[in-house]
Amino acid sequence: MADAVTSQVIFDSKTRLIMKFTNISDGVGEAAVTKVTASTYLCDELYIERVDFMNQGMGVDILFDATTPVVALTLPDNNMNFDFTRFGGIKNNAGAGKNGNIKFTTVGAASGDRYTIILEMRKVNSQ
């Protein structure tokens, strides 16, 4: 059995993207699973401006994808929100091979653990 996951676009404009992600774990969890492909949303990369999350029993690492993915945020087993808009959001600092994509890795997932994550992102183009 695999984790039961969903991804939903809540809002998509020329400059912003808001998505909701859910997971009910089978105990194996997710390892660097691509959740947002920047090119699908007509941008080069995404800055994380806000995150609202409800994690029950596990944490989640949000990664900027690259040759070696870089942890953008670690979300603990908790219910919280973070707002990074006052300084323009968390910029993608993944370095070599970065492609603008965002991945998730679950931390300490056991069967029945779950998350709901809402990411508000700003679209960035290099031109």
N, C-alpha and C. Protein backbone atom coordinates (compact mmCIF):
# COMPACT_ATOMS: atom_id res chain seq x y z
N MET A 1 0.84 -1.18 0.00
CA MET A 1 0.00 0.00 0.00
C MET A 1 0.89 1.25 0.00
N ALA A 2 0.46 2.28 -0.65
CA ALA A 2 1.21 3.54 -0.71
C ALA A 2 0.50 4.61 0.10
N ASP A 3 1.23 5.67 0.45
CA ASP A 3 0.61 6.81 1.10
C ASP A 3 -0.55 7.31 0.24
N ALA A 4 -1.64 7.74 0.87
CA ALA A 4 -2.76 8.35 0.16
C ALA A 4 -2.51 9.85 0.12
N VAL A 5 -2.21 10.38 -1.07
CA VAL A 5 -1.82 11.78 -1.20
C VAL A 5 -2.71 12.50 -2.20
N THR A 6 -2.86 13.82 -1.99
CA THR A 6 -3.55 14.67 -2.95
C THR A 6 -2.77 15.96 -3.11
N SER A 7 -2.92 16.57 -4.27
CA SER A 7 -2.39 17.91 -4.55
C SER A 7 -3.50 18.68 -5.25
N GLN A 8 -3.74 19.91 -4.79
CA GLN A 8 -4.82 20.71 -5.35
C GLN A 8 -4.36 22.14 -5.57
N VAL A 9 -4.61 22.67 -6.76
CA VAL A 9 -4.34 24.08 -7.03
C VAL A 9 -5.53 24.88 -6.50
N ILE A 10 -5.26 25.80 -5.60
CA ILE A 10 -6.30 26.67 -5.05
C ILE A 10 -6.37 27.97 -5.84
N PHE A 11 -5.20 28.49 -6.23
CA PHE A 11 -5.14 29.75 -6.98
C PHE A 11 -3.90 29.74 -7.85
N ASP A 12 -4.06 30.18 -9.10
CA ASP A 12 -2.94 30.25 -10.02
C ASP A 12 -3.10 31.49 -10.89
N SER A 13 -2.17 32.44 -10.74
CA SER A 13 -2.18 33.64 -11.57
C SER A 13 -0.80 33.81 -12.20
N LYS A 14 -0.60 34.91 -12.86
CA LYS A 14 0.69 35.17 -13.51
C LYS A 14 1.83 35.24 -12.50
N THR A 15 1.54 35.71 -11.28
CA THR A 15 2.61 35.94 -10.29
C THR A 15 2.50 35.11 -9.02
N ARG A 16 1.38 34.41 -8.80
CA ARG A 16 1.19 33.68 -7.54
C ARG A 16 0.61 32.30 -7.79
N LEU A 17 0.95 31.39 -6.88
CA LEU A 17 0.44 30.02 -6.92
C LEU A 17 0.17 29.58 -5.50
N ILE A 18 -1.04 29.10 -5.23
CA ILE A 18 -1.40 28.57 -3.92
C ILE A 18 -1.87 27.14 -4.13
N MET A 19 -1.26 26.22 -3.37
CA MET A 19 -1.61 24.81 -3.50
C MET A 19 -1.81 24.18 -2.13
N LYS A 20 -2.67 23.15 -2.11
CA LYS A 20 -2.93 22.37 -0.89
C LYS A 20 -2.49 20.94 -1.13
N PHE A 21 -1.81 20.36 -0.14
CA PHE A 21 -1.30 18.99 -0.22
C PHE A 21 -1.76 18.21 1.00
N THR A 22 -2.17 16.97 0.80
CA THR A 22 -2.53 16.11 1.92
C THR A 22 -1.82 14.77 1.79
N ASN A 23 -1.65 14.11 2.92
CA ASN A 23 -1.04 12.78 2.95
C ASN A 23 -1.58 12.03 4.15
N ILE A 24 -2.00 10.79 3.94
CA ILE A 24 -2.26 9.84 5.03
C ILE A 24 -1.26 8.72 4.80
N SER A 25 -0.35 8.54 5.76
CA SER A 25 0.79 7.66 5.56
C SER A 25 0.45 6.18 5.79
N ASP A 26 1.13 5.34 5.03
CA ASP A 26 1.06 3.89 5.23
C ASP A 26 2.20 3.43 6.13
N GLY A 27 3.00 4.38 6.62
CA GLY A 27 4.13 4.06 7.47
C GLY A 27 5.46 4.13 6.76
N VAL A 28 5.43 4.13 5.43
CA VAL A 28 6.67 4.23 4.66
C VAL A 28 7.03 5.70 4.46
N GLY A 29 6.04 6.52 4.15
CA GLY A 29 6.25 7.95 3.96
C GLY A 29 6.71 8.31 2.56
N GLU A 30 7.11 9.57 2.42
CA GLU A 30 7.55 10.11 1.14
C GLU A 30 9.02 10.50 1.25
N ALA A 31 9.76 10.31 0.17
CA ALA A 31 11.17 10.68 0.13
C ALA A 31 11.45 11.50 -1.12
N ALA A 32 11.61 12.81 -0.92
CA ALA A 32 11.92 13.74 -2.02
C ALA A 32 10.96 13.57 -3.19
N VAL A 33 9.66 13.61 -2.89
CA VAL A 33 8.62 13.48 -3.92
C VAL A 33 8.32 14.87 -4.48
N THR A 34 8.37 15.01 -5.80
CA THR A 34 8.08 16.29 -6.44
C THR A 34 6.60 16.62 -6.27
N LYS A 35 6.33 17.77 -5.67
CA LYS A 35 4.97 18.23 -5.43
C LYS A 35 4.59 19.39 -6.34
N VAL A 36 5.57 20.23 -6.70
CA VAL A 36 5.30 21.37 -7.58
C VAL A 36 6.40 21.41 -8.64
N THR A 37 6.00 21.34 -9.90
CA THR A 37 6.92 21.47 -11.02
C THR A 37 6.77 22.88 -11.57
N ALA A 38 7.78 23.70 -11.36
CA ALA A 38 7.70 25.13 -11.71
C ALA A 38 7.27 25.36 -13.15
N SER A 39 7.84 24.63 -14.09
CA SER A 39 7.53 24.86 -15.50
C SER A 39 6.06 24.62 -15.83
N THR A 40 5.41 23.75 -15.08
CA THR A 40 3.97 23.50 -15.28
C THR A 40 3.17 24.78 -15.05
N TYR A 41 3.68 25.63 -14.16
CA TYR A 41 2.98 26.86 -13.81
C TYR A 41 3.64 28.09 -14.43
N LEU A 42 4.39 27.85 -15.52
CA LEU A 42 4.97 28.90 -16.36
C LEU A 42 5.89 29.85 -15.60
N CYS A 43 6.78 29.25 -14.79
CA CYS A 43 7.77 30.05 -14.09
C CYS A 43 9.06 29.25 -13.97
N ASP A 44 10.14 29.98 -13.66
CA ASP A 44 11.45 29.34 -13.51
C ASP A 44 11.67 28.79 -12.11
N GLU A 45 11.13 29.51 -11.12
CA GLU A 45 11.24 29.03 -9.75
C GLU A 45 10.14 29.65 -8.90
N LEU A 46 10.03 29.17 -7.68
CA LEU A 46 8.97 29.61 -6.77
C LEU A 46 9.59 30.02 -5.44
N TYR A 47 9.18 31.17 -4.93
CA TYR A 47 9.57 31.59 -3.59
C TYR A 47 8.42 31.24 -2.66
N ILE A 48 8.71 30.70 -1.50
CA ILE A 48 7.68 30.34 -0.53
C ILE A 48 7.38 31.57 0.32
N GLU A 49 6.13 32.06 0.20
CA GLU A 49 5.75 33.27 0.94
C GLU A 49 5.00 32.96 2.23
N ARG A 50 4.16 31.95 2.20
CA ARG A 50 3.41 31.54 3.40
C ARG A 50 3.23 30.04 3.38
N VAL A 51 3.14 29.48 4.57
CA VAL A 51 2.80 28.07 4.69
C VAL A 51 1.91 27.89 5.92
N ASP A 52 0.80 27.23 5.73
CA ASP A 52 -0.09 26.84 6.82
C ASP A 52 -0.10 25.32 6.82
N PHE A 53 0.07 24.72 7.99
CA PHE A 53 0.14 23.26 8.00
C PHE A 53 -0.43 22.66 9.27
N MET A 54 -0.90 21.43 9.12
CA MET A 54 -1.40 20.62 10.21
C MET A 54 -0.77 19.25 10.04
N ASN A 55 0.25 18.97 10.83
CA ASN A 55 0.93 17.67 10.78
C ASN A 55 0.52 16.88 12.02
N GLN A 56 0.10 15.65 11.81
CA GLN A 56 -0.29 14.79 12.92
C GLN A 56 0.59 13.55 12.92
N GLY A 57 1.55 13.49 13.84
CA GLY A 57 2.38 12.32 14.01
C GLY A 57 3.68 12.31 13.21
N MET A 58 3.86 13.23 12.31
CA MET A 58 5.09 13.26 11.51
C MET A 58 5.45 14.69 11.15
N GLY A 59 6.69 14.88 10.74
CA GLY A 59 7.14 16.16 10.23
C GLY A 59 7.29 16.07 8.72
N VAL A 60 7.51 17.22 8.10
CA VAL A 60 7.70 17.27 6.65
C VAL A 60 8.83 18.26 6.34
N ASP A 61 9.80 17.81 5.55
CA ASP A 61 10.82 18.70 5.00
C ASP A 61 10.35 19.15 3.63
N ILE A 62 10.33 20.46 3.41
CA ILE A 62 10.05 21.02 2.09
C ILE A 62 11.40 21.32 1.46
N LEU A 63 11.63 20.77 0.27
CA LEU A 63 12.93 20.86 -0.39
C LEU A 63 12.86 21.66 -1.68
N PHE A 64 13.91 22.46 -1.93
CA PHE A 64 14.11 23.03 -3.25
C PHE A 64 14.91 22.00 -4.04
N ASP A 65 14.41 21.62 -5.21
CA ASP A 65 15.02 20.56 -6.01
C ASP A 65 16.26 21.08 -6.73
N ALA A 66 17.28 20.23 -6.78
CA ALA A 66 18.55 20.52 -7.47
C ALA A 66 19.31 19.22 -7.57
N THR A 67 20.55 19.28 -8.07
CA THR A 67 21.40 18.10 -8.11
C THR A 67 21.42 17.46 -6.73
N THR A 68 21.61 18.28 -5.70
CA THR A 68 21.44 17.86 -4.31
C THR A 68 20.36 18.76 -3.72
N PRO A 69 19.13 18.24 -3.51
CA PRO A 69 18.06 19.08 -2.97
C PRO A 69 18.44 19.73 -1.64
N VAL A 70 17.91 20.95 -1.43
CA VAL A 70 18.20 21.74 -0.24
C VAL A 70 16.91 21.92 0.56
N VAL A 71 16.99 21.73 1.88
CA VAL A 71 15.82 21.93 2.73
C VAL A 71 15.49 23.42 2.79
N ALA A 72 14.28 23.75 2.37
CA ALA A 72 13.79 25.13 2.45
C ALA A 72 13.17 25.38 3.83
N LEU A 73 12.38 24.40 4.30
CA LEU A 73 11.69 24.49 5.59
C LEU A 73 11.53 23.10 6.17
N THR A 74 11.55 23.03 7.48
CA THR A 74 11.18 21.81 8.18
C THR A 74 9.93 22.11 8.98
N LEU A 75 8.87 21.36 8.71
CA LEU A 75 7.59 21.55 9.40
C LEU A 75 7.45 20.46 10.45
N PRO A 76 7.39 20.81 11.73
CA PRO A 76 7.32 19.81 12.79
C PRO A 76 5.93 19.19 12.91
N ASP A 77 5.84 18.16 13.74
CA ASP A 77 4.57 17.53 14.09
C ASP A 77 3.79 18.54 14.93
N ASN A 78 2.99 19.39 14.28
CA ASN A 78 2.32 20.50 14.95
C ASN A 78 1.34 21.13 13.97
N ASN A 79 0.59 22.11 14.44
CA ASN A 79 -0.30 22.93 13.60
C ASN A 79 0.19 24.36 13.71
N MET A 80 0.68 24.92 12.60
CA MET A 80 1.25 26.26 12.65
C MET A 80 1.10 26.94 11.30
N ASN A 81 1.49 28.22 11.26
CA ASN A 81 1.63 28.92 9.99
C ASN A 81 2.83 29.84 10.08
N PHE A 82 3.43 30.03 8.92
CA PHE A 82 4.58 30.91 8.80
C PHE A 82 4.30 31.89 7.67
N ASP A 83 4.64 33.16 7.90
CA ASP A 83 4.45 34.20 6.89
C ASP A 83 5.80 34.85 6.62
N PHE A 84 6.29 34.68 5.40
CA PHE A 84 7.60 35.22 5.01
C PHE A 84 7.47 36.39 4.04
N THR A 85 6.27 36.93 3.90
CA THR A 85 6.04 37.98 2.91
C THR A 85 6.76 39.28 3.24
N ARG A 86 7.01 39.54 4.51
CA ARG A 86 7.64 40.83 4.86
C ARG A 86 9.03 40.99 4.28
N PHE A 87 9.68 39.88 3.90
CA PHE A 87 11.00 39.99 3.28
C PHE A 87 11.04 39.33 1.90
N GLY A 88 9.87 39.13 1.29
CA GLY A 88 9.82 38.65 -0.09
C GLY A 88 9.78 37.15 -0.26
N GLY A 89 9.68 36.41 0.84
CA GLY A 89 9.58 34.96 0.75
C GLY A 89 10.93 34.27 0.83
N ILE A 90 10.87 32.95 0.98
CA ILE A 90 12.10 32.15 1.03
C ILE A 90 12.54 31.88 -0.40
N LYS A 91 13.69 32.42 -0.75
CA LYS A 91 14.23 32.26 -2.11
C LYS A 91 14.87 30.90 -2.27
N ASN A 92 14.81 30.40 -3.47
CA ASN A 92 15.41 29.11 -3.79
C ASN A 92 16.93 29.25 -3.83
N ASN A 93 17.60 28.64 -2.87
CA ASN A 93 19.06 28.70 -2.79
C ASN A 93 19.70 27.35 -3.07
N ALA A 94 19.05 26.53 -3.90
CA ALA A 94 19.48 25.14 -4.09
C ALA A 94 20.81 25.01 -4.81
N GLY A 95 21.25 25.99 -5.56
CA GLY A 95 22.57 25.92 -6.20
C GLY A 95 22.58 25.08 -7.46
N ALA A 96 23.66 24.31 -7.66
CA ALA A 96 23.89 23.57 -8.91
C ALA A 96 22.72 22.66 -9.25
N GLY A 97 22.26 22.80 -10.47
CA GLY A 97 21.20 21.93 -10.98
C GLY A 97 19.80 22.28 -10.50
N LYS A 98 19.64 23.44 -9.87
CA LYS A 98 18.29 23.78 -9.40
C LYS A 98 17.37 23.96 -10.58
N ASN A 99 16.13 23.49 -10.42
CA ASN A 99 15.17 23.53 -11.51
C ASN A 99 13.86 24.22 -11.15
N GLY A 100 13.78 24.76 -9.94
CA GLY A 100 12.59 25.49 -9.52
C GLY A 100 11.52 24.63 -8.88
N ASN A 101 11.67 23.32 -8.91
CA ASN A 101 10.66 22.42 -8.37
C ASN A 101 10.73 22.34 -6.84
N ILE A 102 9.61 21.95 -6.25
CA ILE A 102 9.52 21.78 -4.80
C ILE A 102 9.16 20.33 -4.51
N LYS A 103 9.87 19.74 -3.54
CA LYS A 103 9.66 18.35 -3.15
C LYS A 103 9.34 18.27 -1.66
N PHE A 104 8.71 17.16 -1.26
CA PHE A 104 8.44 16.90 0.16
C PHE A 104 9.10 15.59 0.56
N THR A 105 9.61 15.57 1.79
CA THR A 105 10.07 14.34 2.44
C THR A 105 9.42 14.30 3.82
N THR A 106 8.74 13.19 4.13
CA THR A 106 8.16 13.05 5.46
C THR A 106 9.22 12.56 6.43
N VAL A 107 9.07 12.97 7.69
CA VAL A 107 10.04 12.64 8.73
C VAL A 107 9.31 11.93 9.87
N GLY A 108 9.70 10.70 10.15
CA GLY A 108 9.12 9.95 11.26
C GLY A 108 7.70 9.48 11.02
N ALA A 109 7.34 9.19 9.77
CA ALA A 109 5.97 8.80 9.45
C ALA A 109 5.67 7.38 9.91
N ALA A 110 4.53 7.22 10.58
CA ALA A 110 4.01 5.91 10.96
C ALA A 110 2.65 5.74 10.30
N SER A 111 2.16 4.54 10.23
CA SER A 111 0.87 4.27 9.61
C SER A 111 -0.23 5.12 10.27
N GLY A 112 -0.98 5.82 9.45
CA GLY A 112 -2.07 6.66 9.93
C GLY A 112 -1.68 8.10 10.20
N ASP A 113 -0.39 8.41 10.25
CA ASP A 113 0.04 9.80 10.41
C ASP A 113 -0.41 10.58 9.18
N ARG A 114 -0.57 11.89 9.33
CA ARG A 114 -1.10 12.68 8.21
C ARG A 114 -0.61 14.11 8.23
N TYR A 115 -0.72 14.74 7.06
CA TYR A 115 -0.46 16.18 6.98
C TYR A 115 -1.43 16.83 6.02
N THR A 116 -1.67 18.12 6.26
CA THR A 116 -2.32 19.02 5.32
C THR A 116 -1.44 20.26 5.28
N ILE A 117 -0.98 20.61 4.09
CA ILE A 117 -0.07 21.75 3.92
C ILE A 117 -0.62 22.66 2.83
N ILE A 118 -0.70 23.94 3.13
CA ILE A 118 -1.08 24.93 2.13
C ILE A 118 0.13 25.83 1.91
N LEU A 119 0.62 25.84 0.66
CA LEU A 119 1.78 26.65 0.28
C LEU A 119 1.32 27.82 -0.57
N GLU A 120 1.71 29.03 -0.16
CA GLU A 120 1.51 30.22 -0.99
C GLU A 120 2.87 30.58 -1.56
N MET A 121 2.95 30.63 -2.88
CA MET A 121 4.23 30.83 -3.56
C MET A 121 4.15 31.99 -4.54
N ARG A 122 5.29 32.66 -4.71
CA ARG A 122 5.42 33.71 -5.71
C ARG A 122 6.19 33.14 -6.88
N LYS A 123 5.67 33.33 -8.09
CA LYS A 123 6.34 32.85 -9.30
C LYS A 123 7.45 33.82 -9.69
N VAL A 124 8.59 33.27 -10.06
CA VAL A 124 9.75 34.08 -10.44
C VAL A 124 10.26 33.58 -11.78
N ASN A 125 10.55 34.50 -12.68
CA ASN A 125 11.15 34.17 -13.98
C ASN A 125 12.47 34.90 -14.10
N SER A 126 13.43 34.26 -14.74
CA SER A 126 14.77 34.82 -14.83
C SER A 126 14.89 35.94 -15.84
N GLN A 127 13.92 36.15 -16.71
CA GLN A 127 14.02 37.22 -17.71
C GLN A 127 13.69 38.56 -17.13
